[in-house]
Structure formats: structure tokens, C-alpha cells
Amino acid sequence: MKTVSFLLSSLVLLSGAAWAADNQPAAKPDLAQGQAKATQICAACHTADGSRGLSANPILQGQHADYLAKQLHEFKAGKRVNAVMNGMAAALTDDDIRNVAAFYASKQAKPGSSKNKELVALGEKIYRGGIADKQVPACAGCHSPNGAGIPAQYPRLAGQHSEYTEAQLTNFRAGARANNAAMAAIAAKLNDREIKAVADYVAGLR
């Protein structure tokens, strides 16, 4: 009986320890470390604070930390493919990713603007109402009416470079970006004009 009691007590202690290990609160991001790592690795393409750099590169300023961390982990794992970003993310630890994501998320996003007056009305129609005859849902349903997004799956789109958004939708449609099945299915139903219109519209959301 003593042996059985001892074994049961040991199992309870081990189970408790395992539960405690699995339920530890996540480490708090270190913004100073995030800034240091971002300055060292990310600033050349994304600017010092993730603001409005080259339109080929996304604006990271004000993006959800959870979303940024998810993308960096997927670049690191090769689930999202980009020759530059795969190499950059490979060098980042989990702490680096957490800190860098939190650093960019802590910045106030600057507003952008739409450029194509001929397409902005079409972009607004698709973003807010979708395309019923193509079974394309409204973008606002996931990315919110003002483009703020919903962490961690749905990024902030408001103010993003239209060129970058257009490139990502095109990549989803072509299968070149394969880390979100829902977006790939939606983009597959959009033609070039519709993609360009949505991308231009979200650039001016605020």
C-alpha cells in the first residue's frame, strides 16, 4: 500500500509540474531588445521604425504583434517563401521574433492614401460588400471596416502600400504565397483589375 501511495503521489507531483510548465505565462516582450534587433537586421528594408519605406516592402509600423510573429515563424519554417525573408528569419530566436514584433506593433501607423480615382469606387465596393456572383466575401468581414484587422490571423491593411498589397494578392492567386488557404481561395476569384482596386482602396483606409 505504501508503494502504491508513493507512486500515486509521484504521478500527481509530475502531472502538476507538467501542467505548471505548460501554463507558464508567455515571456513579456522587450521593446528595447526588439528595437536593437530590428535596427540590426530589418531597418535596411523596413526603415528604422517600420514606416513608409519602399513600396515593395510592407509597412510594419502598427501591425499586430501576433500577426508579425506568425509571419516571421512561417518564414523561418519555410511555410511562407521569400528568398530574403527566409534567410533573415532563420537567424532569429523565438525571443527575437517576440521582441521585434512587439517593437513594430508599438509604433503608431502613419496614414496612407489611395492613388487611382478610377478604381477606388470598385475597391470600396469589393472591400465592403464582396462580389456576390463570384462568391467573394467582403474584405471588411475579416480585416474590419477600417482596415484595422484582427490579430493574429488577419493583418492590419489600412495605409499599407498598394503595390505591396497587390503583389501579395497576386501571389496568393498564383500559389506563390501558400501560408493562408482562405486568402488563396479568395484571390483565385479576383482578376487583375479587382486586385488593383482593392489594394488601392485599402491604402487610403484609416
C-alpha atoms as a PDB file:
ATOM      1  CA  MET A   1       0.000   0.000   0.000  1.00  0.00           C
ATOM      2  CA  LYS A   2       2.847   2.369   0.835  1.00  0.00           C
ATOM      3  CA  THR A   3       4.379   1.671  -2.554  1.00  0.00           C
ATOM      4  CA  VAL A   4       1.085   2.387  -4.320  1.00  0.00           C
ATOM      5  CA  SER A   5       0.598   5.600  -2.335  1.00  0.00           C
ATOM      6  CA  PHE A   6       4.133   6.700  -3.154  1.00  0.00           C
ATOM      7  CA  LEU A   7       3.600   6.047  -6.859  1.00  0.00           C
ATOM      8  CA  LEU A   8       0.310   7.915  -6.871  1.00  0.00           C
ATOM      9  CA  SER A   9       1.875  10.860  -5.071  1.00  0.00           C
ATOM     10  CA  SER A  10       4.745  10.899  -7.567  1.00  0.00           C
ATOM     11  CA  LEU A  11       2.332  10.875 -10.504  1.00  0.00           C
ATOM     12  CA  VAL A  12       0.351  13.748  -9.019  1.00  0.00           C
ATOM     13  CA  LEU A  13       3.529  15.764  -8.496  1.00  0.00           C
ATOM     14  CA  LEU A  14       4.754  15.050 -12.017  1.00  0.00           C
ATOM     15  CA  SER A  15       1.379  15.934 -13.514  1.00  0.00           C
ATOM     16  CA  GLY A  16       1.311  19.156 -11.533  1.00  0.00           C
ATOM     17  CA  ALA A  17       4.803  20.048 -12.688  1.00  0.00           C
ATOM     18  CA  ALA A  18       3.895  19.339 -16.311  1.00  0.00           C
ATOM     19  CA  TRP A  19       0.734  21.443 -16.024  1.00  0.00           C
ATOM     20  CA  ALA A  20       2.710  24.301 -14.494  1.00  0.00           C
ATOM     21  CA  ALA A  21       5.326  24.126 -17.256  1.00  0.00           C
ATOM     22  CA  ASP A  22       2.664  24.158 -19.979  1.00  0.00           C
ATOM     23  CA  ASN A  23       0.759  27.036 -18.398  1.00  0.00           C
ATOM     24  CA  GLN A  24       3.593  29.440 -17.698  1.00  0.00           C
ATOM     25  CA  PRO A  25       2.743  32.961 -18.861  1.00  0.00           C
ATOM     26  CA  ALA A  26       4.471  33.957 -22.087  1.00  0.00           C
ATOM     27  CA  ALA A  27       7.623  35.991 -21.656  1.00  0.00           C
ATOM     28  CA  LYS A  28       6.974  39.713 -21.785  1.00  0.00           C
ATOM     29  CA  PRO A  29       8.378  41.333 -24.943  1.00  0.00           C
ATOM     30  CA  ASP A  30      11.450  43.513 -24.525  1.00  0.00           C
ATOM     31  CA  LEU A  31      10.909  46.554 -26.763  1.00  0.00           C
ATOM     32  CA  ALA A  32      14.492  47.774 -26.358  1.00  0.00           C
ATOM     33  CA  GLN A  33      15.833  44.416 -27.498  1.00  0.00           C
ATOM     34  CA  GLY A  34      13.287  44.416 -30.306  1.00  0.00           C
ATOM     35  CA  GLN A  35      14.445  47.825 -31.482  1.00  0.00           C
ATOM     36  CA  ALA A  36      18.086  46.760 -31.339  1.00  0.00           C
ATOM     37  CA  LYS A  37      17.425  43.624 -33.395  1.00  0.00           C
ATOM     38  CA  ALA A  38      15.190  45.486 -35.847  1.00  0.00           C
ATOM     39  CA  THR A  39      17.887  48.138 -36.334  1.00  0.00           C
ATOM     40  CA  GLN A  40      20.497  45.445 -36.910  1.00  0.00           C
ATOM     41  CA  ILE A  41      18.536  43.197 -39.252  1.00  0.00           C
ATOM     42  CA  CYS A  42      15.297  44.774 -40.503  1.00  0.00           C
ATOM     43  CA  ALA A  43      15.906  48.510 -40.944  1.00  0.00           C
ATOM     44  CA  ALA A  44      17.619  48.296 -44.333  1.00  0.00           C
ATOM     45  CA  CYS A  45      14.357  47.208 -45.972  1.00  0.00           C
ATOM     46  CA  HIS A  46      11.678  48.279 -43.480  1.00  0.00           C
ATOM     47  CA  THR A  47      13.199  51.552 -42.187  1.00  0.00           C
ATOM     48  CA  ALA A  48      14.149  52.166 -38.565  1.00  0.00           C
ATOM     49  CA  ASP A  49      10.583  52.121 -37.257  1.00  0.00           C
ATOM     50  CA  GLY A  50       8.800  50.110 -39.946  1.00  0.00           C
ATOM     51  CA  SER A  51       7.215  53.176 -41.544  1.00  0.00           C
ATOM     52  CA  ARG A  52       6.738  54.148 -45.166  1.00  0.00           C
ATOM     53  CA  GLY A  53       9.816  52.782 -46.939  1.00  0.00           C
ATOM     54  CA  LEU A  54       9.962  51.269 -50.418  1.00  0.00           C
ATOM     55  CA  SER A  55       6.560  50.164 -51.677  1.00  0.00           C
ATOM     56  CA  ALA A  56       7.875  46.691 -52.495  1.00  0.00           C
ATOM     57  CA  ASN A  57       8.286  46.097 -48.757  1.00  0.00           C
ATOM     58  CA  PRO A  58       5.389  46.089 -46.259  1.00  0.00           C
ATOM     59  CA  ILE A  59       4.824  48.809 -43.706  1.00  0.00           C
ATOM     60  CA  LEU A  60       5.293  47.103 -40.328  1.00  0.00           C
ATOM     61  CA  GLN A  61       4.525  50.105 -38.160  1.00  0.00           C
ATOM     62  CA  GLY A  62       1.351  49.491 -36.149  1.00  0.00           C
ATOM     63  CA  GLN A  63       0.922  45.918 -37.429  1.00  0.00           C
ATOM     64  CA  HIS A  64      -0.401  43.394 -34.908  1.00  0.00           C
ATOM     65  CA  ALA A  65       2.425  41.774 -32.936  1.00  0.00           C
ATOM     66  CA  ASP A  66       0.754  38.346 -33.119  1.00  0.00           C
ATOM     67  CA  TYR A  67       0.469  38.584 -36.887  1.00  0.00           C
ATOM     68  CA  LEU A  68       4.068  39.722 -37.338  1.00  0.00           C
ATOM     69  CA  ALA A  69       5.311  36.915 -35.094  1.00  0.00           C
ATOM     70  CA  LYS A  70       3.253  34.379 -37.045  1.00  0.00           C
ATOM     71  CA  GLN A  71       4.710  35.535 -40.352  1.00  0.00           C
ATOM     72  CA  LEU A  72       8.286  35.510 -39.044  1.00  0.00           C
ATOM     73  CA  HIS A  73       7.854  31.983 -37.678  1.00  0.00           C
ATOM     74  CA  GLU A  74       6.434  30.883 -41.027  1.00  0.00           C
ATOM     75  CA  PHE A  75       9.304  32.499 -42.932  1.00  0.00           C
ATOM     76  CA  LYS A  76      11.705  30.725 -40.589  1.00  0.00           C
ATOM     77  CA  ALA A  77       9.969  27.384 -41.108  1.00  0.00           C
ATOM     78  CA  GLY A  78       9.747  27.861 -44.881  1.00  0.00           C
ATOM     79  CA  LYS A  79       5.956  27.808 -44.813  1.00  0.00           C
ATOM     80  CA  ARG A  80       5.966  31.284 -46.352  1.00  0.00           C
ATOM     81  CA  VAL A  81       8.564  31.603 -49.086  1.00  0.00           C
ATOM     82  CA  ASN A  82      10.637  34.706 -49.777  1.00  0.00           C
ATOM     83  CA  ALA A  83      14.338  34.347 -50.520  1.00  0.00           C
ATOM     84  CA  VAL A  84      15.312  37.412 -48.473  1.00  0.00           C
ATOM     85  CA  MET A  85      12.932  36.929 -45.553  1.00  0.00           C
ATOM     86  CA  ASN A  86      13.606  33.198 -45.208  1.00  0.00           C
ATOM     87  CA  GLY A  87      17.271  33.974 -44.652  1.00  0.00           C
ATOM     88  CA  MET A  88      16.599  36.869 -42.286  1.00  0.00           C
ATOM     89  CA  ALA A  89      14.096  34.948 -40.164  1.00  0.00           C
ATOM     90  CA  ALA A  90      16.367  31.898 -39.936  1.00  0.00           C
ATOM     91  CA  ALA A  91      18.739  33.864 -37.735  1.00  0.00           C
ATOM     92  CA  LEU A  92      16.030  34.959 -35.268  1.00  0.00           C
ATOM     93  CA  THR A  93      15.319  33.172 -31.994  1.00  0.00           C
ATOM     94  CA  ASP A  94      11.803  32.921 -30.564  1.00  0.00           C
ATOM     95  CA  ASP A  95      12.663  35.783 -28.202  1.00  0.00           C
ATOM     96  CA  ASP A  96      13.960  37.878 -31.123  1.00  0.00           C
ATOM     97  CA  ILE A  97      10.718  37.321 -33.023  1.00  0.00           C
ATOM     98  CA  ARG A  98       8.582  38.193 -29.997  1.00  0.00           C
ATOM     99  CA  ASN A  99      10.601  41.354 -29.319  1.00  0.00           C
ATOM    100  CA  VAL A 100      10.820  42.585 -32.910  1.00  0.00           C
ATOM    101  CA  ALA A 101       7.100  42.008 -33.480  1.00  0.00           C
ATOM    102  CA  ALA A 102       6.222  43.908 -30.307  1.00  0.00           C
ATOM    103  CA  PHE A 103       8.564  46.767 -31.237  1.00  0.00           C
ATOM    104  CA  TYR A 104       6.916  47.367 -34.621  1.00  0.00           C
ATOM    105  CA  ALA A 105       3.434  46.914 -33.145  1.00  0.00           C
ATOM    106  CA  SER A 106       4.179  49.597 -30.562  1.00  0.00           C
ATOM    107  CA  LYS A 107       4.603  52.259 -33.248  1.00  0.00           C
ATOM    108  CA  GLN A 108       1.753  54.457 -34.418  1.00  0.00           C
ATOM    109  CA  ALA A 109       0.944  53.682 -38.037  1.00  0.00           C
ATOM    110  CA  LYS A 110       1.006  56.657 -40.365  1.00  0.00           C
ATOM    111  CA  PRO A 111      -1.902  57.177 -42.762  1.00  0.00           C
ATOM    112  CA  GLY A 112      -1.608  56.428 -46.450  1.00  0.00           C
ATOM    113  CA  SER A 113      -3.731  57.402 -49.424  1.00  0.00           C
ATOM    114  CA  SER A 114      -5.369  55.949 -52.497  1.00  0.00           C
ATOM    115  CA  LYS A 115      -3.926  56.992 -55.851  1.00  0.00           C
ATOM    116  CA  ASN A 116      -6.254  55.688 -58.542  1.00  0.00           C
ATOM    117  CA  LYS A 117      -9.513  57.646 -58.561  1.00  0.00           C
ATOM    118  CA  GLU A 118     -10.931  55.457 -61.326  1.00  0.00           C
ATOM    119  CA  LEU A 119     -10.583  52.279 -59.272  1.00  0.00           C
ATOM    120  CA  VAL A 120     -11.213  53.424 -55.716  1.00  0.00           C
ATOM    121  CA  ALA A 121     -15.006  53.057 -56.002  1.00  0.00           C
ATOM    122  CA  LEU A 122     -14.644  49.474 -57.220  1.00  0.00           C
ATOM    123  CA  GLY A 123     -12.136  48.780 -54.450  1.00  0.00           C
ATOM    124  CA  GLU A 124     -14.534  50.115 -51.827  1.00  0.00           C
ATOM    125  CA  LYS A 125     -17.392  48.025 -53.230  1.00  0.00           C
ATOM    126  CA  ILE A 126     -15.355  44.817 -53.035  1.00  0.00           C
ATOM    127  CA  TYR A 127     -13.830  45.614 -49.657  1.00  0.00           C
ATOM    128  CA  ARG A 128     -17.151  46.411 -48.024  1.00  0.00           C
ATOM    129  CA  GLY A 129     -19.535  44.133 -49.921  1.00  0.00           C
ATOM    130  CA  GLY A 130     -17.525  41.495 -51.753  1.00  0.00           C
ATOM    131  CA  ILE A 131     -18.509  40.173 -55.193  1.00  0.00           C
ATOM    132  CA  ALA A 132     -21.662  38.094 -54.857  1.00  0.00           C
ATOM    133  CA  ASP A 133     -21.633  36.432 -58.282  1.00  0.00           C
ATOM    134  CA  LYS A 134     -18.041  35.244 -57.708  1.00  0.00           C
ATOM    135  CA  GLN A 135     -18.697  34.254 -54.089  1.00  0.00           C
ATOM    136  CA  VAL A 136     -16.005  36.656 -52.917  1.00  0.00           C
ATOM    137  CA  PRO A 137     -16.693  37.740 -49.320  1.00  0.00           C
ATOM    138  CA  ALA A 138     -16.296  41.307 -48.131  1.00  0.00           C
ATOM    139  CA  CYS A 139     -12.708  42.006 -47.043  1.00  0.00           C
ATOM    140  CA  ALA A 140     -14.105  44.024 -44.137  1.00  0.00           C
ATOM    141  CA  GLY A 141     -15.511  40.863 -42.580  1.00  0.00           C
ATOM    142  CA  CYS A 142     -12.024  39.726 -41.578  1.00  0.00           C
ATOM    143  CA  HIS A 143      -9.920  42.865 -41.828  1.00  0.00           C
ATOM    144  CA  SER A 144     -12.587  45.117 -40.209  1.00  0.00           C
ATOM    145  CA  PRO A 145     -14.349  48.082 -41.878  1.00  0.00           C
ATOM    146  CA  ASN A 146     -11.495  50.495 -41.178  1.00  0.00           C
ATOM    147  CA  GLY A 147      -8.763  48.037 -42.118  1.00  0.00           C
ATOM    148  CA  ALA A 148      -7.528  47.565 -38.557  1.00  0.00           C
ATOM    149  CA  GLY A 149      -7.506  43.770 -38.900  1.00  0.00           C
ATOM    150  CA  ILE A 150      -7.943  41.117 -36.227  1.00  0.00           C
ATOM    151  CA  PRO A 151      -4.865  39.557 -34.633  1.00  0.00           C
ATOM    152  CA  ALA A 152      -3.271  37.113 -35.236  1.00  0.00           C
ATOM    153  CA  GLN A 153      -4.723  35.778 -38.458  1.00  0.00           C
ATOM    154  CA  TYR A 154      -5.922  38.975 -40.140  1.00  0.00           C
ATOM    155  CA  PRO A 155      -3.379  41.779 -40.595  1.00  0.00           C
ATOM    156  CA  ARG A 156      -3.928  45.490 -40.456  1.00  0.00           C
ATOM    157  CA  LEU A 157      -4.360  46.687 -44.055  1.00  0.00           C
ATOM    158  CA  ALA A 158      -5.138  50.369 -43.537  1.00  0.00           C
ATOM    159  CA  GLY A 159      -2.434  52.561 -45.044  1.00  0.00           C
ATOM    160  CA  GLN A 160      -0.417  49.647 -46.457  1.00  0.00           C
ATOM    161  CA  HIS A 161       1.436  50.284 -49.726  1.00  0.00           C
ATOM    162  CA  SER A 162      -0.976  49.469 -52.540  1.00  0.00           C
ATOM    163  CA  GLU A 163       1.880  47.940 -54.528  1.00  0.00           C
ATOM    164  CA  TYR A 164       2.676  45.537 -51.702  1.00  0.00           C
ATOM    165  CA  THR A 165      -0.960  44.523 -51.152  1.00  0.00           C
ATOM    166  CA  GLU A 166      -1.408  43.998 -54.885  1.00  0.00           C
ATOM    167  CA  ALA A 167       1.705  41.807 -55.008  1.00  0.00           C
ATOM    168  CA  GLN A 168       0.514  39.662 -52.088  1.00  0.00           C
ATOM    169  CA  LEU A 169      -2.951  39.130 -53.574  1.00  0.00           C
ATOM    170  CA  THR A 170      -1.343  38.212 -56.891  1.00  0.00           C
ATOM    171  CA  ASN A 171       0.995  35.796 -55.125  1.00  0.00           C
ATOM    172  CA  PHE A 172      -1.930  34.194 -53.274  1.00  0.00           C
ATOM    173  CA  ARG A 173      -3.775  33.798 -56.588  1.00  0.00           C
ATOM    174  CA  ALA A 174      -0.750  32.235 -58.290  1.00  0.00           C
ATOM    175  CA  GLY A 175       0.054  29.925 -55.377  1.00  0.00           C
ATOM    176  CA  ALA A 176       3.406  31.611 -54.799  1.00  0.00           C
ATOM    177  CA  ARG A 177       2.239  32.504 -51.296  1.00  0.00           C
ATOM    178  CA  ALA A 178       0.733  29.439 -49.691  1.00  0.00           C
ATOM    179  CA  ASN A 179       0.511  30.180 -45.963  1.00  0.00           C
ATOM    180  CA  ASN A 180      -3.182  31.082 -45.886  1.00  0.00           C
ATOM    181  CA  ALA A 181      -5.635  28.777 -47.661  1.00  0.00           C
ATOM    182  CA  ALA A 182      -8.590  31.147 -47.246  1.00  0.00           C
ATOM    183  CA  MET A 183      -6.772  34.038 -48.896  1.00  0.00           C
ATOM    184  CA  ALA A 184      -5.548  31.815 -51.714  1.00  0.00           C
ATOM    185  CA  ALA A 185      -9.138  30.736 -52.406  1.00  0.00           C
ATOM    186  CA  ILE A 186     -10.426  34.316 -52.383  1.00  0.00           C
ATOM    187  CA  ALA A 187      -7.614  35.738 -54.510  1.00  0.00           C
ATOM    188  CA  ALA A 188      -8.133  32.971 -57.070  1.00  0.00           C
ATOM    189  CA  LYS A 189     -11.507  34.556 -57.908  1.00  0.00           C
ATOM    190  CA  LEU A 190     -10.172  38.086 -58.445  1.00  0.00           C
ATOM    191  CA  ASN A 191      -8.936  39.471 -61.739  1.00  0.00           C
ATOM    192  CA  ASP A 192      -6.067  41.941 -62.082  1.00  0.00           C
ATOM    193  CA  ARG A 193      -8.336  44.989 -62.073  1.00  0.00           C
ATOM    194  CA  GLU A 194     -10.182  43.878 -58.943  1.00  0.00           C
ATOM    195  CA  ILE A 195      -6.932  43.149 -57.115  1.00  0.00           C
ATOM    196  CA  LYS A 196      -5.521  46.533 -58.070  1.00  0.00           C
ATOM    197  CA  ALA A 197      -8.741  48.270 -56.975  1.00  0.00           C
ATOM    198  CA  VAL A 198      -8.832  46.626 -53.539  1.00  0.00           C
ATOM    199  CA  ALA A 199      -5.115  47.271 -52.987  1.00  0.00           C
ATOM    200  CA  ASP A 200      -5.509  50.948 -53.830  1.00  0.00           C
ATOM    201  CA  TYR A 201      -8.593  51.342 -51.666  1.00  0.00           C
ATOM    202  CA  VAL A 202      -7.027  49.862 -48.523  1.00  0.00           C
ATOM    203  CA  ALA A 203      -4.012  52.151 -48.916  1.00  0.00           C
ATOM    204  CA  GLY A 204      -6.295  55.060 -48.088  1.00  0.00           C
ATOM    205  CA  LEU A 205      -8.193  53.438 -45.207  1.00  0.00           C
ATOM    206  CA  ARG A 206      -7.765  54.977 -41.781  1.00  0.00           C
END
